[in-house]
Amino acid sequence: MYAIVEIAGQQFKVQKDQKIFVHRLKEDVGAKISFDRVLLIEDGGKINVGAPAITGALVSAEVNDHCKGDKVIVFRKKRRKGYKKRNGHRQSFTAITITDIKA
């Protein structure tokens, strides 16, 4: 059984007991959260598609950790002009574990 759910503006294909990284959520570590914007549920070959979301469907999760991703280096250069610019960025993520999928 899996579901496609929208979390923080992005769509994720999730299964029970799966750990995923989503964009930073404001909930504290250890908090239980639920997402009601479920777009698709597959259960044993039977597919239920929402228009756009399935009413009454719910995906429950638990917040494990707040962390940062790998550093992305942004480097700009214009040749023969002496212009070089180096910048870095680390995206903030939240690690969550899917605990339950309810249709």
Protein backbone atom coordinates (compact mmCIF):
# COMPACT_ATOMS: atom_id res chain seq x y z
CA MET A 1 0.00 0.00 0.00
CA TYR A 2 1.33 3.41 -0.93
CA ALA A 3 0.02 6.94 -1.27
CA ILE A 4 0.99 10.11 -3.07
CA VAL A 5 0.70 13.01 -0.64
CA GLU A 6 1.45 16.71 -0.90
CA ILE A 7 3.75 17.94 1.88
CA ALA A 8 4.97 21.55 2.01
CA GLY A 9 4.11 22.14 -1.66
CA GLN A 10 5.84 19.00 -2.98
CA GLN A 11 4.44 15.58 -3.86
CA PHE A 12 5.90 12.44 -2.29
CA LYS A 13 5.20 8.74 -2.83
CA VAL A 14 5.10 7.28 0.68
CA GLN A 15 4.64 3.89 2.32
CA LYS A 16 4.17 2.88 5.94
CA ASP A 17 7.39 3.05 8.05
CA GLN A 18 9.23 5.00 5.35
CA LYS A 19 11.63 7.79 6.33
CA ILE A 20 11.67 10.86 4.05
CA PHE A 21 13.20 14.32 4.07
CA VAL A 22 10.83 17.23 3.39
CA HIS A 23 11.35 20.98 3.41
CA ARG A 24 11.58 22.41 6.92
CA LEU A 25 8.36 22.07 8.95
CA LYS A 26 7.61 24.17 12.03
CA GLU A 27 6.65 21.21 14.28
CA ASP A 28 8.94 20.12 17.12
CA VAL A 29 10.94 16.88 17.17
CA GLY A 30 8.75 13.98 18.32
CA ALA A 31 5.49 15.65 17.28
CA LYS A 32 2.79 13.68 15.50
CA ILE A 33 1.53 15.35 12.32
CA SER A 34 -1.02 14.40 9.69
CA PHE A 35 -1.44 15.38 6.06
CA ASP A 36 -4.93 15.46 4.55
CA ARG A 37 -3.90 16.43 1.00
CA VAL A 38 -3.70 12.84 -0.33
CA LEU A 39 -3.76 12.72 -4.13
CA LEU A 40 -3.66 8.94 -4.75
CA ILE A 41 -3.92 5.73 -2.74
CA GLU A 42 -2.99 2.25 -4.04
CA ASP A 43 -4.13 -0.70 -1.95
CA GLY A 44 -3.50 -4.18 -3.32
CA GLY A 45 -3.90 -3.25 -6.99
CA LYS A 46 -6.92 -1.01 -6.37
CA ILE A 47 -6.10 2.61 -7.19
CA ASN A 48 -8.12 5.52 -5.80
CA VAL A 49 -7.39 8.88 -7.43
CA GLY A 50 -8.68 12.15 -6.02
CA ALA A 51 -9.87 15.19 -7.91
CA PRO A 52 -7.62 16.87 -6.78
CA ALA A 53 -7.50 15.25 -3.30
CA ILE A 54 -9.25 12.25 -1.77
CA THR A 55 -11.80 13.31 0.84
CA GLY A 56 -11.36 11.61 4.20
CA ALA A 57 -7.90 10.22 3.42
CA LEU A 58 -5.15 10.88 5.94
CA VAL A 59 -1.41 10.19 6.16
CA SER A 60 0.08 10.30 9.65
CA ALA A 61 3.75 10.92 10.38
CA GLU A 62 6.17 11.61 13.21
CA VAL A 63 8.91 14.26 13.14
CA ASN A 64 12.33 12.66 13.76
CA ASP A 65 14.88 15.42 13.23
CA HIS A 66 15.59 18.84 11.79
CA CYS A 67 18.75 18.85 9.67
CA LYS A 68 20.49 20.56 6.78
CA GLY A 69 21.27 19.16 3.36
CA ASP A 70 24.57 19.11 1.51
CA LYS A 71 26.21 22.41 0.66
CA VAL A 72 25.52 23.71 -2.84
CA ILE A 73 28.23 26.00 -4.23
CA VAL A 74 27.10 28.82 -6.53
CA PHE A 75 30.06 30.15 -8.55
CA ARG A 76 29.79 32.96 -11.08
CA LYS A 77 32.59 34.13 -13.31
CA LYS A 78 32.97 36.43 -16.29
CA ARG A 79 36.06 35.61 -18.25
CA ARG A 80 38.69 38.26 -18.90
CA LYS A 81 36.90 40.78 -16.64
CA GLY A 82 38.28 39.82 -13.23
CA TYR A 83 34.80 39.06 -11.87
CA LYS A 84 34.42 36.03 -9.62
CA LYS A 85 31.66 35.46 -7.08
CA ARG A 86 31.40 32.40 -4.81
CA ASN A 87 28.39 31.69 -2.62
CA GLY A 88 27.11 28.65 -0.76
CA HIS A 89 23.73 27.42 0.45
CA ARG A 90 22.48 24.62 2.71
CA GLN A 91 18.77 23.79 2.56
CA SER A 92 16.95 23.06 5.83
CA PHE A 93 15.09 19.74 5.93
CA THR A 94 12.86 17.85 8.34
CA ALA A 95 13.19 14.07 8.60
CA ILE A 96 9.80 12.40 9.11
CA THR A 97 8.66 8.79 9.38
CA ILE A 98 5.30 7.76 7.91
CA THR A 99 3.36 5.92 10.61
CA ASP A 100 -0.04 5.28 9.02
CA ILE A 101 -2.02 5.64 5.78
CA LYS A 102 -5.82 5.78 6.12
CA ALA A 103 -8.17 5.76 3.17
